[in-house]
Amino acid sequence: MKNKHFLSLIRKALVGALLITTTAPVLAANSFTANADYTVKYGSNAQARLDRLNVLMAKHANSPIETKLIVVNDFFNAFAYREDSVLWGQDDYWASLIEFLGVGMGDCEDYAIAKLEVLTRMGVDKEKLRLIYTTANDITPHMVLGYYSNQSARPLIMDNIQNEVLPMSVRVDLKQVYSFNDVGVWVIVNGKSKFAGNSKRLSLWGDLNTRTAMRLPTENYKII
């Protein structure tokens, strides 16, 4: 509970800062850049979202990991929720960060994937981040992003239906089914996480990695 209290204090201190933008921001070396096609395809609001993300990344380039988790979680949780069938005409579609930023809305997988990519870009060890497939309230399939401080730790959860970054132990509404990242897949066996093999077996994850560069370079690159 001390961890929960600490994260809550950080989040409250940062709420106002998230709304601050500048007309000529100083961007970090790992900022995202876009060519003209991005704005043509998605509109000026999409460019504004990209600019705000770059400002946030620069502002918190050297912040503690817990702070990075909170500000990135808050940034994307401000996006509107929409079902895949409405946005993409498919029952289940995992949008890339570019698509999510472009349309400014998505479903639970899109929030989690975007947070993963941005946090990786901000220097958080990608092996400590996993997309976690859960059931919410024992019924609804739901994906969140988890940060594992070490292999045996219970993760901190970044979730679009709960704004606070909380330990999984506090999220009694979520039941973990499996988790994954580029390294592999982990399943829950007798209440414990067990490595189950390569994540390439997940077709939607493979499709996403085919469509977008999830392994981010250190230099700037064009996102369209």
C-alpha atoms as a PDB file:
ATOM      1  CA  MET A   1       0.000   0.000   0.000  1.00  0.00           C
ATOM      2  CA  LYS A   2       3.017   2.301   0.470  1.00  0.00           C
ATOM      3  CA  ASN A   3       3.761   1.828  -3.218  1.00  0.00           C
ATOM      4  CA  LYS A   4       0.183   2.785  -4.074  1.00  0.00           C
ATOM      5  CA  HIS A   5       0.382   5.911  -1.903  1.00  0.00           C
ATOM      6  CA  PHE A   6       3.701   6.952  -3.462  1.00  0.00           C
ATOM      7  CA  LEU A   7       2.358   6.605  -7.002  1.00  0.00           C
ATOM      8  CA  SER A   8      -0.776   8.533  -6.078  1.00  0.00           C
ATOM      9  CA  LEU A   9       1.269  11.463  -4.755  1.00  0.00           C
ATOM     10  CA  ILE A  10       3.368  11.604  -7.925  1.00  0.00           C
ATOM     11  CA  ARG A  11       0.283  11.493 -10.115  1.00  0.00           C
ATOM     12  CA  LYS A  12      -1.405  14.370  -8.263  1.00  0.00           C
ATOM     13  CA  ALA A  13       1.726  16.491  -8.578  1.00  0.00           C
ATOM     14  CA  LEU A  14       1.847  15.918 -12.330  1.00  0.00           C
ATOM     15  CA  VAL A  15      -1.787  16.397 -13.317  1.00  0.00           C
ATOM     16  CA  GLY A  16      -1.414  20.117 -14.003  1.00  0.00           C
ATOM     17  CA  ALA A  17       1.916  19.712 -15.780  1.00  0.00           C
ATOM     18  CA  LEU A  18       0.396  17.445 -18.424  1.00  0.00           C
ATOM     19  CA  LEU A  19      -1.689  20.331 -19.757  1.00  0.00           C
ATOM     20  CA  ILE A  20       1.296  22.614 -20.353  1.00  0.00           C
ATOM     21  CA  THR A  21       2.539  23.067 -23.924  1.00  0.00           C
ATOM     22  CA  THR A  22       4.944  25.533 -25.517  1.00  0.00           C
ATOM     23  CA  THR A  23       4.913  27.127 -28.944  1.00  0.00           C
ATOM     24  CA  ALA A  24       8.523  26.105 -29.628  1.00  0.00           C
ATOM     25  CA  PRO A  25       9.251  23.014 -27.530  1.00  0.00           C
ATOM     26  CA  VAL A  26      12.764  21.696 -27.070  1.00  0.00           C
ATOM     27  CA  LEU A  27      12.465  18.091 -28.174  1.00  0.00           C
ATOM     28  CA  ALA A  28      14.440  15.115 -26.968  1.00  0.00           C
ATOM     29  CA  ALA A  29      16.722  13.185 -29.317  1.00  0.00           C
ATOM     30  CA  ASN A  30      14.228  10.309 -29.301  1.00  0.00           C
ATOM     31  CA  SER A  31      11.234  12.429 -30.346  1.00  0.00           C
ATOM     32  CA  PHE A  32       8.853  11.267 -33.058  1.00  0.00           C
ATOM     33  CA  THR A  33       8.774  13.042 -36.411  1.00  0.00           C
ATOM     34  CA  ALA A  34       6.181  12.825 -39.157  1.00  0.00           C
ATOM     35  CA  ASN A  35       6.096  13.770 -42.804  1.00  0.00           C
ATOM     36  CA  ALA A  36       3.304  15.721 -44.469  1.00  0.00           C
ATOM     37  CA  ASP A  37       1.308  12.569 -45.188  1.00  0.00           C
ATOM     38  CA  TYR A  38       0.589  12.129 -41.484  1.00  0.00           C
ATOM     39  CA  THR A  39      -1.348  15.389 -41.250  1.00  0.00           C
ATOM     40  CA  VAL A  40      -2.961  14.859 -44.651  1.00  0.00           C
ATOM     41  CA  LYS A  41      -4.198  11.432 -43.572  1.00  0.00           C
ATOM     42  CA  TYR A  42      -5.232  12.212 -39.987  1.00  0.00           C
ATOM     43  CA  GLY A  43      -5.657  16.005 -39.777  1.00  0.00           C
ATOM     44  CA  SER A  44      -4.245  18.883 -37.743  1.00  0.00           C
ATOM     45  CA  ASN A  45      -5.517  17.470 -34.445  1.00  0.00           C
ATOM     46  CA  ALA A  46      -3.355  14.414 -34.998  1.00  0.00           C
ATOM     47  CA  GLN A  47      -0.301  16.631 -35.446  1.00  0.00           C
ATOM     48  CA  ALA A  48      -1.195  18.437 -32.220  1.00  0.00           C
ATOM     49  CA  ARG A  49      -1.379  15.096 -30.382  1.00  0.00           C
ATOM     50  CA  LEU A  50       2.029  14.130 -31.752  1.00  0.00           C
ATOM     51  CA  ASP A  51       3.496  17.487 -30.690  1.00  0.00           C
ATOM     52  CA  ARG A  52       2.101  17.118 -27.161  1.00  0.00           C
ATOM     53  CA  LEU A  53       3.575  13.620 -26.928  1.00  0.00           C
ATOM     54  CA  ASN A  54       7.002  14.894 -27.964  1.00  0.00           C
ATOM     55  CA  VAL A  55       6.825  17.668 -25.349  1.00  0.00           C
ATOM     56  CA  LEU A  56       5.902  15.140 -22.673  1.00  0.00           C
ATOM     57  CA  MET A  57       8.741  12.805 -23.678  1.00  0.00           C
ATOM     58  CA  ALA A  58      11.274  15.634 -23.582  1.00  0.00           C
ATOM     59  CA  LYS A  59      10.012  16.934 -20.248  1.00  0.00           C
ATOM     60  CA  HIS A  60      10.291  13.523 -18.598  1.00  0.00           C
ATOM     61  CA  ALA A  61      13.337  12.129 -20.378  1.00  0.00           C
ATOM     62  CA  ASN A  62      15.239  11.918 -17.084  1.00  0.00           C
ATOM     63  CA  SER A  63      12.320  11.352 -14.723  1.00  0.00           C
ATOM     64  CA  PRO A  64      12.110   8.271 -12.477  1.00  0.00           C
ATOM     65  CA  ILE A  65      10.500   5.227 -14.057  1.00  0.00           C
ATOM     66  CA  GLU A  66       7.402   5.534 -11.847  1.00  0.00           C
ATOM     67  CA  THR A  67       6.860   9.073 -13.118  1.00  0.00           C
ATOM     68  CA  LYS A  68       7.227   7.966 -16.739  1.00  0.00           C
ATOM     69  CA  LEU A  69       4.611   5.259 -16.189  1.00  0.00           C
ATOM     70  CA  ILE A  70       2.159   7.776 -14.750  1.00  0.00           C
ATOM     71  CA  VAL A  71       2.537  10.547 -17.327  1.00  0.00           C
ATOM     72  CA  VAL A  72       2.353   8.187 -20.310  1.00  0.00           C
ATOM     73  CA  ASN A  73      -0.649   6.422 -18.801  1.00  0.00           C
ATOM     74  CA  ASP A  74      -2.415   9.756 -18.253  1.00  0.00           C
ATOM     75  CA  PHE A  75      -1.557  11.038 -21.730  1.00  0.00           C
ATOM     76  CA  PHE A  76      -3.143   8.139 -23.591  1.00  0.00           C
ATOM     77  CA  ASN A  77      -6.047   7.688 -21.187  1.00  0.00           C
ATOM     78  CA  ALA A  78      -7.305  11.080 -22.380  1.00  0.00           C
ATOM     79  CA  PHE A  79      -8.042   9.493 -25.775  1.00  0.00           C
ATOM     80  CA  ALA A  80     -11.615   8.418 -26.511  1.00  0.00           C
ATOM     81  CA  TYR A  81     -12.601   4.758 -26.341  1.00  0.00           C
ATOM     82  CA  ARG A  82     -13.997   3.181 -29.528  1.00  0.00           C
ATOM     83  CA  GLU A  83     -14.626  -0.423 -30.511  1.00  0.00           C
ATOM     84  CA  ASP A  84     -12.617  -1.941 -33.358  1.00  0.00           C
ATOM     85  CA  SER A  85     -15.782  -2.638 -35.322  1.00  0.00           C
ATOM     86  CA  VAL A  86     -16.555   1.093 -35.349  1.00  0.00           C
ATOM     87  CA  LEU A  87     -13.039   2.326 -36.161  1.00  0.00           C
ATOM     88  CA  TRP A  88     -11.593  -0.386 -38.365  1.00  0.00           C
ATOM     89  CA  GLY A  89     -14.550  -2.499 -39.439  1.00  0.00           C
ATOM     90  CA  GLN A  90     -13.025  -5.580 -37.783  1.00  0.00           C
ATOM     91  CA  ASP A  91     -13.942  -7.543 -34.684  1.00  0.00           C
ATOM     92  CA  ASP A  92     -10.379  -7.406 -33.361  1.00  0.00           C
ATOM     93  CA  TYR A  93      -7.662  -5.092 -34.689  1.00  0.00           C
ATOM     94  CA  TRP A  94      -4.491  -4.033 -32.859  1.00  0.00           C
ATOM     95  CA  ALA A  95      -3.706  -0.489 -33.988  1.00  0.00           C
ATOM     96  CA  SER A  96      -0.159   0.798 -34.115  1.00  0.00           C
ATOM     97  CA  LEU A  97       0.942   3.846 -32.136  1.00  0.00           C
ATOM     98  CA  ILE A  98       0.768   5.859 -35.348  1.00  0.00           C
ATOM     99  CA  GLU A  99      -2.821   4.822 -36.024  1.00  0.00           C
ATOM    100  CA  PHE A 100      -3.859   5.425 -32.406  1.00  0.00           C
ATOM    101  CA  LEU A 101      -2.268   8.896 -32.376  1.00  0.00           C
ATOM    102  CA  GLY A 102      -3.767   9.610 -35.775  1.00  0.00           C
ATOM    103  CA  VAL A 103      -7.395   8.858 -34.977  1.00  0.00           C
ATOM    104  CA  GLY A 104      -7.135   9.787 -31.283  1.00  0.00           C
ATOM    105  CA  MET A 105      -9.265   6.874 -30.148  1.00  0.00           C
ATOM    106  CA  GLY A 106      -9.192   3.106 -29.795  1.00  0.00           C
ATOM    107  CA  ASP A 107      -9.894   0.138 -27.560  1.00  0.00           C
ATOM    108  CA  CYS A 108      -7.958  -1.417 -24.675  1.00  0.00           C
ATOM    109  CA  GLU A 109      -5.287  -3.099 -26.831  1.00  0.00           C
ATOM    110  CA  ASP A 110      -4.530   0.186 -28.569  1.00  0.00           C
ATOM    111  CA  TYR A 111      -3.982   2.055 -25.286  1.00  0.00           C
ATOM    112  CA  ALA A 112      -1.681  -0.682 -23.980  1.00  0.00           C
ATOM    113  CA  ILE A 113       0.354  -0.987 -27.191  1.00  0.00           C
ATOM    114  CA  ALA A 114       0.864   2.783 -27.462  1.00  0.00           C
ATOM    115  CA  LYS A 115       2.036   3.004 -23.843  1.00  0.00           C
ATOM    116  CA  LEU A 116       4.463   0.131 -24.438  1.00  0.00           C
ATOM    117  CA  GLU A 117       6.016   1.767 -27.488  1.00  0.00           C
ATOM    118  CA  VAL A 118       6.362   5.221 -25.934  1.00  0.00           C
ATOM    119  CA  LEU A 119       7.794   3.952 -22.638  1.00  0.00           C
ATOM    120  CA  THR A 120      10.309   1.863 -24.567  1.00  0.00           C
ATOM    121  CA  ARG A 121      11.207   4.963 -26.544  1.00  0.00           C
ATOM    122  CA  MET A 122      11.693   6.819 -23.234  1.00  0.00           C
ATOM    123  CA  GLY A 123      14.289   4.314 -22.097  1.00  0.00           C
ATOM    124  CA  VAL A 124      12.243   1.909 -19.972  1.00  0.00           C
ATOM    125  CA  ASP A 125      13.674  -1.607 -20.361  1.00  0.00           C
ATOM    126  CA  LYS A 126      11.347  -3.340 -22.822  1.00  0.00           C
ATOM    127  CA  GLU A 127      11.939  -6.694 -21.112  1.00  0.00           C
ATOM    128  CA  LYS A 128      10.294  -5.240 -17.991  1.00  0.00           C
ATOM    129  CA  LEU A 129       7.162  -4.274 -19.931  1.00  0.00           C
ATOM    130  CA  ARG A 130       4.523  -6.816 -20.910  1.00  0.00           C
ATOM    131  CA  LEU A 131       1.110  -6.608 -22.486  1.00  0.00           C
ATOM    132  CA  ILE A 132      -1.216  -8.505 -20.153  1.00  0.00           C
ATOM    133  CA  TYR A 133      -4.401 -10.182 -21.331  1.00  0.00           C
ATOM    134  CA  THR A 134      -6.946 -10.297 -18.500  1.00  0.00           C
ATOM    135  CA  THR A 135     -10.604 -10.656 -17.775  1.00  0.00           C
ATOM    136  CA  ALA A 136     -12.199  -7.673 -16.072  1.00  0.00           C
ATOM    137  CA  ASN A 137     -14.699  -8.527 -13.356  1.00  0.00           C
ATOM    138  CA  ASP A 138     -14.467 -12.198 -14.434  1.00  0.00           C
ATOM    139  CA  ILE A 139     -16.328 -11.461 -17.661  1.00  0.00           C
ATOM    140  CA  THR A 140     -14.876  -8.954 -20.104  1.00  0.00           C
ATOM    141  CA  PRO A 141     -11.653  -9.652 -22.056  1.00  0.00           C
ATOM    142  CA  HIS A 142      -9.314  -6.741 -21.377  1.00  0.00           C
ATOM    143  CA  MET A 143      -5.694  -5.844 -22.098  1.00  0.00           C
ATOM    144  CA  VAL A 144      -3.422  -3.700 -19.911  1.00  0.00           C
ATOM    145  CA  LEU A 145       0.290  -2.906 -19.787  1.00  0.00           C
ATOM    146  CA  GLY A 146       2.384  -4.157 -16.902  1.00  0.00           C
ATOM    147  CA  TYR A 147       5.764  -2.973 -15.606  1.00  0.00           C
ATOM    148  CA  TYR A 148       7.795  -5.656 -13.791  1.00  0.00           C
ATOM    149  CA  SER A 149      10.641  -4.249 -11.682  1.00  0.00           C
ATOM    150  CA  ASN A 150      12.148  -7.753 -11.651  1.00  0.00           C
ATOM    151  CA  GLN A 151      11.189 -11.233 -12.883  1.00  0.00           C
ATOM    152  CA  SER A 152       9.469 -12.245  -9.662  1.00  0.00           C
ATOM    153  CA  ALA A 153       7.700  -8.923  -9.002  1.00  0.00           C
ATOM    154  CA  ARG A 154       3.988  -8.331  -9.295  1.00  0.00           C
ATOM    155  CA  PRO A 155       3.559  -5.754 -12.054  1.00  0.00           C
ATOM    156  CA  LEU A 156       2.401  -2.164 -11.863  1.00  0.00           C
ATOM    157  CA  ILE A 157      -0.636  -1.851 -14.130  1.00  0.00           C
ATOM    158  CA  MET A 158      -1.303   0.862 -16.721  1.00  0.00           C
ATOM    159  CA  ASP A 159      -4.952   0.631 -17.719  1.00  0.00           C
ATOM    160  CA  ASN A 160      -7.399   2.759 -19.672  1.00  0.00           C
ATOM    161  CA  ILE A 161     -10.316   2.012 -17.318  1.00  0.00           C
ATOM    162  CA  GLN A 162      -8.379   2.955 -14.156  1.00  0.00           C
ATOM    163  CA  ASN A 163      -6.309   6.145 -14.285  1.00  0.00           C
ATOM    164  CA  GLU A 164      -4.114   5.342 -11.296  1.00  0.00           C
ATOM    165  CA  VAL A 165      -1.047   3.188 -11.873  1.00  0.00           C
ATOM    166  CA  LEU A 166      -1.560   0.456  -9.290  1.00  0.00           C
ATOM    167  CA  PRO A 167       0.063  -2.875  -8.393  1.00  0.00           C
ATOM    168  CA  MET A 168      -1.704  -5.916  -9.819  1.00  0.00           C
ATOM    169  CA  SER A 169      -2.284  -7.084  -6.241  1.00  0.00           C
ATOM    170  CA  VAL A 170      -4.607  -4.098  -5.732  1.00  0.00           C
ATOM    171  CA  ARG A 171      -6.501  -4.654  -8.990  1.00  0.00           C
ATOM    172  CA  VAL A 172      -8.848  -7.328  -7.691  1.00  0.00           C
ATOM    173  CA  ASP A 173     -11.131  -6.617 -10.647  1.00  0.00           C
ATOM    174  CA  LEU A 174      -8.572  -8.075 -13.059  1.00  0.00           C
ATOM    175  CA  LYS A 175      -7.733 -11.741 -13.537  1.00  0.00           C
ATOM    176  CA  GLN A 176      -4.525 -12.329 -15.475  1.00  0.00           C
ATOM    177  CA  VAL A 177      -4.699 -14.939 -18.240  1.00  0.00           C
ATOM    178  CA  TYR A 178      -1.340 -14.480 -19.977  1.00  0.00           C
ATOM    179  CA  SER A 179       1.277 -11.804 -20.673  1.00  0.00           C
ATOM    180  CA  PHE A 180       3.712 -11.248 -23.510  1.00  0.00           C
ATOM    181  CA  ASN A 181       6.313  -9.034 -25.144  1.00  0.00           C
ATOM    182  CA  ASP A 182       9.002  -9.484 -27.796  1.00  0.00           C
ATOM    183  CA  VAL A 183      10.810 -11.960 -25.552  1.00  0.00           C
ATOM    184  CA  GLY A 184       7.966 -14.438 -25.158  1.00  0.00           C
ATOM    185  CA  VAL A 185       4.659 -15.446 -23.589  1.00  0.00           C
ATOM    186  CA  TRP A 186       3.937 -16.180 -19.924  1.00  0.00           C
ATOM    187  CA  VAL A 187       0.855 -18.061 -18.732  1.00  0.00           C
ATOM    188  CA  ILE A 188      -0.592 -18.366 -15.247  1.00  0.00           C
ATOM    189  CA  VAL A 189      -0.235 -21.867 -13.785  1.00  0.00           C
ATOM    190  CA  ASN A 190      -1.380 -22.475 -10.194  1.00  0.00           C
ATOM    191  CA  GLY A 191      -1.295 -18.750  -9.544  1.00  0.00           C
ATOM    192  CA  LYS A 192       2.268 -18.310 -10.837  1.00  0.00           C
ATOM    193  CA  SER A 193       3.608 -16.897 -14.092  1.00  0.00           C
ATOM    194  CA  LYS A 194       5.324 -19.518 -16.254  1.00  0.00           C
ATOM    195  CA  PHE A 195       7.249 -18.921 -19.482  1.00  0.00           C
ATOM    196  CA  ALA A 196       5.394 -20.609 -22.337  1.00  0.00           C
ATOM    197  CA  GLY A 197       7.392 -19.878 -25.487  1.00  0.00           C
ATOM    198  CA  ASN A 198       7.790 -17.429 -28.345  1.00  0.00           C
ATOM    199  CA  SER A 199       5.315 -14.573 -28.735  1.00  0.00           C
ATOM    200  CA  LYS A 200       5.362 -15.011 -32.526  1.00  0.00           C
ATOM    201  CA  ARG A 201       2.615 -17.587 -32.032  1.00  0.00           C
ATOM    202  CA  LEU A 202       0.213 -14.679 -31.322  1.00  0.00           C
ATOM    203  CA  SER A 203      -1.154 -13.831 -34.756  1.00  0.00           C
ATOM    204  CA  LEU A 204      -2.346 -10.297 -33.955  1.00  0.00           C
ATOM    205  CA  TRP A 205       1.010  -9.452 -32.367  1.00  0.00           C
ATOM    206  CA  GLY A 206       2.793 -10.763 -35.451  1.00  0.00           C
ATOM    207  CA  ASP A 207       0.499  -8.746 -37.707  1.00  0.00           C
ATOM    208  CA  LEU A 208       1.169  -5.585 -35.705  1.00  0.00           C
ATOM    209  CA  ASN A 209       4.932  -6.095 -35.888  1.00  0.00           C
ATOM    210  CA  THR A 210       4.658  -6.616 -39.628  1.00  0.00           C
ATOM    211  CA  ARG A 211       2.792  -3.323 -40.031  1.00  0.00           C
ATOM    212  CA  THR A 212       4.893  -1.126 -37.758  1.00  0.00           C
ATOM    213  CA  ALA A 213       8.373  -0.837 -36.270  1.00  0.00           C
ATOM    214  CA  MET A 214       7.934  -1.870 -32.644  1.00  0.00           C
ATOM    215  CA  ARG A 215      11.694  -2.147 -32.091  1.00  0.00           C
ATOM    216  CA  LEU A 216      12.519   1.531 -31.997  1.00  0.00           C
ATOM    217  CA  PRO A 217      15.851   2.964 -33.210  1.00  0.00           C
ATOM    218  CA  THR A 218      17.730   5.513 -31.126  1.00  0.00           C
ATOM    219  CA  GLU A 219      17.656   8.178 -33.816  1.00  0.00           C
ATOM    220  CA  ASN A 220      14.678  10.156 -35.085  1.00  0.00           C
ATOM    221  CA  TYR A 221      12.601   8.473 -37.741  1.00  0.00           C
ATOM    222  CA  LYS A 222       9.500   9.208 -39.736  1.00  0.00           C
ATOM    223  CA  ILE A 223       6.383   7.501 -38.399  1.00  0.00           C
ATOM    224  CA  ILE A 224       4.558   7.487 -41.740  1.00  0.00           C
END
